[in-house]
C-alpha cells in the first residue's frame, strides 16, 4: 500500500497514541475510483490516489479478508480486545465484554 499510494504509514495504520488515527477502514477505500480517504498530515481528511497495482492487491485483500462491515480495518491488528469489539459490533451485539447477555 505504501508503494502504490500517496499515503504515509501514519495515515494507513492505527496509532494508539492518537485517537483520530484509527487506521484505514474499508469505508475509506474506493476501489472503483482508485482512491483512499485518509486523515492526512495536515490533520484533515483528504483523498489520496491509489495506483492500479495497489487497487488489484487491495481488491484481492478484500476478497480474502471478507470484512463483516465497512467499519472493519483494512489492516487489523492482532489485539484481541479490539477484534472482539469489532466482531461483536458487526454482529449487532453489544460490544461491551463485561455484558454477558447474548
N, C-alpha and C. Protein backbone atom coordinates (compact mmCIF):
# COMPACT_ATOMS: atom_id res chain seq x y z
N UNK A 1 0.81 -1.19 0.00
CA UNK A 1 0.00 0.00 0.00
C UNK A 1 0.85 1.25 0.00
N UNK A 2 1.93 1.21 0.75
CA UNK A 2 2.80 2.39 0.80
C UNK A 2 3.43 2.66 -0.56
N UNK A 3 3.77 1.61 -1.28
CA UNK A 3 4.42 1.78 -2.58
C UNK A 3 3.44 2.22 -3.66
N UNK A 4 2.17 1.86 -3.53
CA UNK A 4 1.20 2.12 -4.59
C UNK A 4 0.23 3.26 -4.28
N UNK A 5 0.46 3.96 -3.18
CA UNK A 5 -0.44 5.07 -2.86
C UNK A 5 0.39 6.28 -2.46
N UNK A 6 -0.27 7.39 -2.36
CA UNK A 6 0.39 8.60 -1.89
C UNK A 6 0.29 8.73 -0.37
N UNK A 7 -0.15 7.66 0.30
CA UNK A 7 -0.37 7.72 1.74
C UNK A 7 0.90 7.36 2.51
N UNK A 8 0.97 7.88 3.74
CA UNK A 8 2.06 7.54 4.66
C UNK A 8 1.56 6.46 5.61
N UNK A 9 2.48 5.76 6.23
CA UNK A 9 2.10 4.73 7.19
C UNK A 9 1.20 5.26 8.29
N UNK A 10 1.48 6.47 8.76
CA UNK A 10 0.67 7.08 9.83
C UNK A 10 -0.77 7.32 9.38
N UNK A 11 -0.99 7.38 8.07
CA UNK A 11 -2.33 7.61 7.55
C UNK A 11 -3.08 6.30 7.31
N UNK A 12 -2.35 5.19 7.24
CA UNK A 12 -2.97 3.90 6.95
C UNK A 12 -3.17 3.02 8.17
N UNK A 13 -2.28 3.14 9.14
CA UNK A 13 -2.30 2.24 10.28
C UNK A 13 -2.74 2.96 11.55
N UNK A 14 -3.32 2.21 12.46
CA UNK A 14 -3.82 2.77 13.72
C UNK A 14 -2.65 3.25 14.58
N UNK A 15 -2.85 4.38 15.19
CA UNK A 15 -1.86 4.92 16.12
C UNK A 15 -2.51 4.98 17.50
N UNK A 16 -2.12 4.08 18.41
CA UNK A 16 -2.77 4.06 19.73
C UNK A 16 -2.52 5.34 20.53
N UNK A 17 -1.56 6.16 20.11
CA UNK A 17 -1.26 7.41 20.79
C UNK A 17 -2.15 8.56 20.32
N UNK A 18 -2.91 8.34 19.22
CA UNK A 18 -3.71 9.40 18.62
C UNK A 18 -5.11 8.87 18.31
N UNK A 19 -6.12 9.33 19.03
CA UNK A 19 -7.49 8.86 18.84
C UNK A 19 -8.04 9.14 17.44
N UNK A 20 -7.51 10.15 16.77
CA UNK A 20 -8.00 10.49 15.44
C UNK A 20 -7.43 9.58 14.35
N UNK A 21 -6.40 8.83 14.68
CA UNK A 21 -5.79 7.92 13.70
C UNK A 21 -6.16 6.48 14.04
N UNK A 22 -7.35 6.10 13.61
CA UNK A 22 -7.86 4.76 13.91
C UNK A 22 -7.51 3.74 12.82
N UNK A 23 -6.77 4.16 11.83
CA UNK A 23 -6.38 3.26 10.75
C UNK A 23 -7.38 3.30 9.60
N UNK A 24 -6.92 2.86 8.46
CA UNK A 24 -7.75 2.84 7.25
C UNK A 24 -8.87 1.82 7.41
N UNK A 25 -10.09 2.24 7.17
CA UNK A 25 -11.27 1.36 7.23
C UNK A 25 -11.75 1.15 5.81
N UNK A 26 -12.47 0.06 5.59
CA UNK A 26 -12.96 -0.23 4.24
C UNK A 26 -13.87 0.88 3.72
N UNK A 27 -14.55 1.60 4.61
CA UNK A 27 -15.42 2.69 4.14
C UNK A 27 -14.60 3.84 3.54
N UNK A 28 -13.29 3.86 3.83
CA UNK A 28 -12.41 4.91 3.29
C UNK A 28 -11.79 4.52 1.95
N UNK A 29 -12.09 3.32 1.47
CA UNK A 29 -11.47 2.81 0.25
C UNK A 29 -12.49 2.85 -0.89
N UNK A 30 -12.10 3.45 -2.01
CA UNK A 30 -12.93 3.45 -3.22
C UNK A 30 -12.11 2.80 -4.32
N UNK A 31 -12.32 1.49 -4.50
CA UNK A 31 -11.54 0.75 -5.48
C UNK A 31 -11.92 1.12 -6.91
N UNK A 32 -13.18 1.52 -7.13
CA UNK A 32 -13.60 1.93 -8.48
C UNK A 32 -12.92 3.22 -8.90
N UNK A 33 -12.78 4.15 -7.97
CA UNK A 33 -12.13 5.43 -8.26
C UNK A 33 -10.62 5.36 -8.09
N UNK A 34 -10.14 4.33 -7.36
CA UNK A 34 -8.72 4.20 -7.10
C UNK A 34 -8.22 5.25 -6.13
N UNK A 35 -9.00 5.48 -5.06
CA UNK A 35 -8.61 6.47 -4.05
C UNK A 35 -8.81 5.93 -2.65
N UNK A 36 -8.07 6.52 -1.73
CA UNK A 36 -8.22 6.26 -0.30
C UNK A 36 -8.52 7.58 0.38
N UNK A 37 -9.37 7.56 1.37
CA UNK A 37 -9.65 8.76 2.16
C UNK A 37 -8.89 8.59 3.47
N UNK A 38 -7.91 9.44 3.70
CA UNK A 38 -7.04 9.30 4.86
C UNK A 38 -7.05 10.57 5.70
N UNK A 39 -6.72 10.40 6.98
CA UNK A 39 -6.56 11.54 7.88
C UNK A 39 -5.11 11.98 7.72
N UNK A 40 -4.92 13.03 6.96
CA UNK A 40 -3.60 13.43 6.50
C UNK A 40 -2.72 14.12 7.51
N UNK A 41 -1.54 14.42 7.04
CA UNK A 41 -0.52 15.10 7.83
C UNK A 41 -1.03 16.48 8.30
N UNK A 42 -1.92 17.06 7.52
CA UNK A 42 -2.47 18.38 7.85
C UNK A 42 -3.58 18.30 8.90
N UNK A 43 -3.83 17.07 9.42
CA UNK A 43 -4.88 16.84 10.42
C UNK A 43 -6.27 17.08 9.83
N UNK A 44 -6.40 16.85 8.52
CA UNK A 44 -7.68 16.95 7.82
C UNK A 44 -7.86 15.71 6.96
N UNK A 45 -9.13 15.39 6.68
CA UNK A 45 -9.42 14.26 5.79
C UNK A 45 -9.13 14.67 4.36
N UNK A 46 -8.47 13.80 3.63
CA UNK A 46 -8.14 14.08 2.23
C UNK A 46 -8.11 12.78 1.43
N UNK A 47 -8.28 12.92 0.14
CA UNK A 47 -8.21 11.76 -0.76
C UNK A 47 -6.79 11.64 -1.29
N UNK A 48 -6.32 10.39 -1.40
CA UNK A 48 -5.02 10.13 -1.96
C UNK A 48 -5.18 9.06 -3.04
N UNK A 49 -4.45 9.19 -4.15
CA UNK A 49 -4.61 8.24 -5.24
C UNK A 49 -4.00 6.88 -4.91
N UNK A 50 -4.54 5.87 -5.55
CA UNK A 50 -4.04 4.51 -5.43
C UNK A 50 -3.77 4.00 -6.83
N UNK A 51 -2.53 3.65 -7.11
CA UNK A 51 -2.16 3.16 -8.44
C UNK A 51 -2.81 1.81 -8.71
N UNK A 52 -2.96 1.45 -9.99
CA UNK A 52 -3.66 0.23 -10.39
C UNK A 52 -3.12 -1.04 -9.72
N UNK A 53 -1.78 -1.22 -9.60
CA UNK A 53 -1.32 -2.42 -8.89
C UNK A 53 -1.80 -2.46 -7.44
N UNK A 54 -1.91 -1.30 -6.81
CA UNK A 54 -2.43 -1.23 -5.45
C UNK A 54 -3.91 -1.56 -5.39
N UNK A 55 -4.66 -1.10 -6.38
CA UNK A 55 -6.10 -1.41 -6.45
C UNK A 55 -6.28 -2.92 -6.58
N UNK A 56 -5.50 -3.55 -7.45
CA UNK A 56 -5.61 -5.01 -7.65
C UNK A 56 -5.29 -5.76 -6.37
N UNK A 57 -4.23 -5.36 -5.69
CA UNK A 57 -3.83 -6.05 -4.45
C UNK A 57 -4.84 -5.80 -3.33
N UNK A 58 -5.35 -4.60 -3.26
CA UNK A 58 -6.34 -4.30 -2.23
C UNK A 58 -7.66 -5.02 -2.50
N UNK A 59 -8.02 -5.15 -3.76
CA UNK A 59 -9.22 -5.90 -4.13
C UNK A 59 -9.08 -7.38 -3.70
N UNK A 60 -7.90 -7.95 -3.96
CA UNK A 60 -7.64 -9.34 -3.55
C UNK A 60 -7.64 -9.46 -2.03
N UNK A 61 -7.07 -8.48 -1.35
CA UNK A 61 -7.04 -8.48 0.11
C UNK A 61 -8.46 -8.42 0.66
N UNK A 62 -9.31 -7.63 0.05
CA UNK A 62 -10.71 -7.52 0.46
C UNK A 62 -11.43 -8.86 0.31
N UNK A 63 -11.19 -9.54 -0.81
CA UNK A 63 -11.81 -10.86 -1.01
C UNK A 63 -11.34 -11.86 0.05
N UNK A 64 -10.05 -11.87 0.34
CA UNK A 64 -9.51 -12.80 1.34
C UNK A 64 -10.01 -12.46 2.75
N UNK A 65 -10.02 -11.19 3.06
CA UNK A 65 -10.41 -10.76 4.39
C UNK A 65 -11.91 -10.93 4.62
N UNK A 66 -12.70 -10.68 3.59
CA UNK A 66 -14.16 -10.77 3.68
C UNK A 66 -14.68 -10.04 4.92
N UNK A 67 -14.45 -8.72 5.00
CA UNK A 67 -14.82 -7.98 6.21
C UNK A 67 -16.33 -8.00 6.45
N UNK A 68 -16.72 -8.11 7.71
CA UNK A 68 -18.15 -8.15 8.03
C UNK A 68 -18.87 -6.82 7.86
N UNK A 69 -18.13 -5.71 7.81
CA UNK A 69 -18.76 -4.40 7.62
C UNK A 69 -17.74 -3.44 7.03
N UNK A 70 -18.22 -2.27 6.60
CA UNK A 70 -17.33 -1.24 6.05
C UNK A 70 -16.50 -0.58 7.15
N UNK A 71 -16.86 -0.81 8.40
CA UNK A 71 -16.11 -0.25 9.53
C UNK A 71 -14.87 -1.09 9.85
N UNK A 72 -14.77 -2.25 9.25
CA UNK A 72 -13.66 -3.16 9.54
C UNK A 72 -12.35 -2.54 9.06
N UNK A 73 -11.28 -2.65 9.86
CA UNK A 73 -9.99 -2.10 9.43
C UNK A 73 -9.40 -2.87 8.26
N UNK A 74 -8.79 -2.15 7.34
CA UNK A 74 -8.13 -2.79 6.20
C UNK A 74 -6.93 -3.59 6.70
N UNK A 75 -6.24 -3.05 7.70
CA UNK A 75 -5.08 -3.72 8.29
C UNK A 75 -5.32 -3.92 9.78
N UNK A 76 -6.09 -4.95 10.16
CA UNK A 76 -6.37 -5.15 11.57
C UNK A 76 -5.13 -5.61 12.34
N UNK A 77 -5.13 -5.29 13.61
CA UNK A 77 -4.06 -5.78 14.47
C UNK A 77 -4.49 -7.11 15.06
N UNK A 78 -3.62 -7.74 15.77
CA UNK A 78 -3.98 -8.97 16.48
C UNK A 78 -4.30 -8.68 17.94
N UNK A 79 -4.69 -7.43 18.21
CA UNK A 79 -5.08 -7.04 19.56
C UNK A 79 -6.46 -7.62 19.82
N UNK A 80 -6.53 -8.70 20.59
CA UNK A 80 -7.77 -9.44 20.76
C UNK A 80 -8.94 -8.63 21.28
N UNK A 81 -8.77 -7.75 22.26
CA UNK A 81 -9.93 -6.95 22.69
C UNK A 81 -10.50 -6.08 21.55
N UNK A 82 -9.62 -5.55 20.70
CA UNK A 82 -10.10 -4.74 19.58
C UNK A 82 -10.86 -5.60 18.58
N UNK A 83 -10.34 -6.78 18.26
CA UNK A 83 -11.02 -7.67 17.32
C UNK A 83 -12.36 -8.12 17.90
N UNK A 84 -12.38 -8.46 19.17
CA UNK A 84 -13.61 -8.88 19.84
C UNK A 84 -14.68 -7.80 19.73
N UNK A 85 -14.29 -6.56 20.01
CA UNK A 85 -15.21 -5.43 19.96
C UNK A 85 -15.75 -5.24 18.54
N UNK A 86 -14.88 -5.34 17.53
CA UNK A 86 -15.32 -5.16 16.15
C UNK A 86 -16.27 -6.26 15.69
N UNK A 87 -15.95 -7.50 16.04
CA UNK A 87 -16.79 -8.62 15.62
C UNK A 87 -18.17 -8.52 16.27
N UNK A 88 -18.20 -8.21 17.56
CA UNK A 88 -19.49 -8.07 18.24
C UNK A 88 -20.29 -6.90 17.67
N UNK A 89 -19.63 -5.81 17.34
CA UNK A 89 -20.32 -4.66 16.75
C UNK A 89 -20.85 -5.03 15.37
N UNK A 90 -20.07 -5.75 14.58
CA UNK A 90 -20.51 -6.15 13.23
C UNK A 90 -21.69 -7.10 13.30
N UNK A 91 -21.75 -7.92 14.36
CA UNK A 91 -22.87 -8.84 14.53
C UNK A 91 -24.09 -8.18 15.15
N UNK A 92 -23.95 -6.90 15.53
CA UNK A 92 -25.06 -6.19 16.14
C UNK A 92 -25.23 -6.52 17.61
N UNK A 93 -24.20 -7.09 18.21
CA UNK A 93 -24.23 -7.45 19.64
C UNK A 93 -23.50 -6.37 20.41
N UNK A 94 -23.94 -6.11 21.62
CA UNK A 94 -23.27 -5.13 22.46
C UNK A 94 -21.79 -5.46 22.54
N UNK A 95 -20.94 -4.48 22.26
CA UNK A 95 -19.50 -4.70 22.22
C UNK A 95 -18.85 -4.66 23.60
N UNK A 96 -19.63 -4.48 24.63
CA UNK A 96 -19.07 -4.40 25.98
C UNK A 96 -18.79 -5.81 26.49
N UNK A 97 -17.47 -6.18 26.66
CA UNK A 97 -17.15 -7.55 27.07
C UNK A 97 -17.63 -7.89 28.48
N UNK A 98 -17.99 -6.89 29.28
CA UNK A 98 -18.50 -7.16 30.62
C UNK A 98 -19.97 -7.49 30.59
N UNK A 99 -20.62 -7.27 29.46
CA UNK A 99 -22.04 -7.58 29.31
C UNK A 99 -22.15 -9.00 28.79
N UNK A 100 -22.61 -9.92 29.63
CA UNK A 100 -22.67 -11.32 29.22
C UNK A 100 -24.06 -11.73 28.74
N UNK A 101 -24.91 -10.77 28.40
CA UNK A 101 -26.23 -11.09 27.86
C UNK A 101 -26.14 -11.15 26.35
N UNK A 102 -26.17 -12.34 25.84
CA UNK A 102 -26.04 -12.54 24.39
C UNK A 102 -27.36 -12.96 23.82
